[in-house]
Amino acid sequence: MTEDGFDLGPRRHPRRMSLTPMIDVVFLLLIFFMLSSRFGMDAVLPIAGGAEGAASEWQGPPRLVDVAPDSISLNGVPTDPDELVAALKALMPEDGGAVVLRARDDADLQQMVDVMDRLSAGGLSNLILIE
């Protein structure tokens, strides 16, 4: 009993906080991030490096394809995308050669990939991508 006449009973120790809810949240976050992340290989685009960085002699006329947001140009001349492969094949040397691709005026990646796919489907696989 205290001086006031109240009996508070035995003194209790404060309860320790349970870590179980925090561990549950951590595991839920772990599962969420595992399920939302991508596993596996991304698509790989083969791009030639121009003889793997070694100096090589350019053969034939220039073959520079500029990809802009609204147009495609071959050596500075606007070209219809459907006629691009035929126009490039006329400029190619007999033993094959490289085609230089350059993105211009904020062209997005999808436009560049579309041009690369079009050229690859037309048999032009030696592509060099420049800035």
Protein backbone atom coordinates (compact mmCIF):
# COMPACT_ATOMS: atom_id res chain seq x y z
CA MET A 1 0.00 0.00 0.00
CA THR A 2 1.05 3.51 -0.71
CA GLU A 3 0.55 6.54 1.48
CA ASP A 4 -2.68 7.37 -0.35
CA GLY A 5 -4.11 3.95 0.35
CA PHE A 6 -3.93 2.62 -3.20
CA ASP A 7 -2.46 -0.75 -3.96
CA LEU A 8 -0.79 -0.67 -7.36
CA GLY A 9 0.18 -4.30 -7.28
CA PRO A 10 3.49 -5.72 -8.31
CA ARG A 11 5.57 -3.53 -10.56
CA ARG A 12 5.37 -4.69 -14.19
CA HIS A 13 8.19 -4.51 -16.66
CA PRO A 14 7.26 -2.78 -19.95
CA ARG A 15 6.48 -5.21 -22.76
CA ARG A 16 9.15 -5.66 -25.36
CA MET A 17 8.13 -4.70 -28.85
CA SER A 18 7.46 -7.66 -31.13
CA LEU A 19 9.55 -7.75 -34.30
CA THR A 20 7.20 -10.18 -36.03
CA PRO A 21 5.13 -7.54 -37.89
CA MET A 22 8.27 -5.79 -39.13
CA ILE A 23 9.73 -9.09 -40.36
CA ASP A 24 6.43 -9.85 -42.14
CA VAL A 25 6.57 -6.49 -43.94
CA VAL A 26 10.20 -7.07 -44.97
CA PHE A 27 9.33 -10.48 -46.42
CA LEU A 28 6.33 -9.06 -48.26
CA LEU A 29 8.53 -6.35 -49.78
CA LEU A 30 11.13 -8.94 -50.73
CA ILE A 31 8.50 -11.08 -52.48
CA PHE A 32 7.05 -8.03 -54.24
CA PHE A 33 10.41 -6.93 -55.63
CA MET A 34 11.33 -10.48 -56.66
CA LEU A 35 8.07 -10.88 -58.57
CA SER A 36 8.17 -7.43 -60.17
CA SER A 37 11.78 -7.66 -61.36
CA ARG A 38 12.67 -9.12 -64.74
CA PHE A 39 14.83 -12.18 -64.94
CA GLY A 40 16.39 -13.51 -68.11
CA MET A 41 18.08 -12.16 -71.18
CA ASP A 42 17.04 -8.94 -72.82
CA ALA A 43 16.93 -8.69 -76.58
CA VAL A 44 20.39 -8.27 -78.03
CA LEU A 45 20.98 -6.30 -81.22
CA PRO A 46 24.13 -7.27 -83.10
CA ILE A 47 26.11 -4.18 -84.03
CA ALA A 48 29.44 -4.38 -85.77
CA GLY A 49 32.27 -2.39 -84.32
CA GLY A 50 34.08 -1.64 -87.57
CA ALA A 51 36.68 -4.43 -87.49
CA GLU A 52 36.61 -4.57 -83.68
CA GLY A 53 38.26 -1.21 -83.22
CA ALA A 54 41.17 -1.87 -85.58
CA ALA A 55 41.84 0.56 -88.39
CA SER A 56 40.35 -0.61 -91.64
CA GLU A 57 40.13 0.92 -95.07
CA TRP A 58 36.69 2.18 -96.13
CA GLN A 59 35.59 0.77 -99.45
CA GLY A 60 33.01 2.22 -101.78
CA PRO A 61 30.96 5.39 -101.54
CA PRO A 62 29.74 6.73 -98.19
CA ARG A 63 26.77 4.96 -96.62
CA LEU A 64 25.53 7.19 -93.80
CA VAL A 65 21.92 6.73 -92.69
CA ASP A 66 20.55 9.57 -90.54
CA VAL A 67 17.47 8.64 -88.51
CA ALA A 68 15.40 11.67 -87.49
CA PRO A 69 12.04 11.66 -85.67
CA ASP A 70 10.11 12.25 -88.90
CA SER A 71 12.48 11.19 -91.71
CA ILE A 72 15.33 8.98 -92.84
CA SER A 73 18.21 10.33 -94.92
CA LEU A 74 20.86 8.44 -96.88
CA ASN A 75 24.02 10.53 -97.28
CA GLY A 76 22.01 13.68 -96.55
CA VAL A 77 19.26 12.93 -99.10
CA PRO A 78 15.77 12.22 -97.69
CA THR A 79 14.87 8.62 -98.50
CA ASP A 80 11.64 6.67 -98.23
CA PRO A 81 12.06 3.90 -95.62
CA ASP A 82 10.72 1.32 -98.09
CA GLU A 83 13.44 2.25 -100.62
CA LEU A 84 16.30 2.47 -98.12
CA VAL A 85 17.59 -1.09 -98.56
CA ALA A 86 17.59 -0.88 -102.37
CA ALA A 87 19.36 2.49 -102.28
CA LEU A 88 22.01 1.13 -99.91
CA LYS A 89 22.60 -2.05 -101.92
CA ALA A 90 23.42 0.11 -104.94
CA LEU A 91 26.19 1.76 -102.89
CA MET A 92 27.63 -1.42 -101.36
CA PRO A 93 30.97 -2.86 -102.57
CA GLU A 94 31.06 -6.46 -103.83
CA ASP A 95 32.62 -7.91 -100.69
CA GLY A 96 30.07 -6.26 -98.43
CA GLY A 97 30.67 -3.25 -96.33
CA ALA A 98 29.48 -1.32 -93.35
CA VAL A 99 26.48 0.95 -93.06
CA VAL A 100 26.85 3.81 -90.60
CA LEU A 101 23.71 4.71 -88.60
CA ARG A 102 23.33 8.00 -86.77
CA ALA A 103 20.39 9.22 -84.66
CA ARG A 104 19.53 12.87 -85.30
CA ASP A 105 17.28 15.49 -83.68
CA ASP A 106 16.06 13.49 -80.69
CA ALA A 107 15.12 10.35 -82.65
CA ASP A 108 14.01 7.74 -80.16
CA LEU A 109 15.45 4.27 -79.75
CA GLN A 110 12.45 2.51 -81.29
CA GLN A 111 12.94 4.37 -84.60
CA MET A 112 16.59 3.32 -84.66
CA VAL A 113 15.68 -0.31 -83.92
CA ASP A 114 13.05 -0.26 -86.68
CA VAL A 115 15.64 0.94 -89.21
CA MET A 116 18.14 -1.66 -88.00
CA ASP A 117 15.53 -4.42 -88.33
CA ARG A 118 14.64 -3.22 -91.83
CA LEU A 119 18.31 -3.26 -92.89
CA SER A 120 18.96 -6.66 -91.33
CA ALA A 121 15.91 -8.12 -93.08
CA GLY A 122 17.29 -6.71 -96.36
CA GLY A 123 20.60 -8.54 -95.88
CA LEU A 124 22.66 -5.64 -94.56
CA SER A 125 24.03 -6.90 -91.27
CA ASN A 126 27.28 -4.96 -90.89
CA LEU A 127 25.87 -1.94 -89.06
CA ILE A 128 27.88 0.66 -87.19
CA LEU A 129 26.04 2.90 -84.76
CA ILE A 130 27.55 6.32 -84.05
CA GLU A 131 26.53 9.30 -81.97
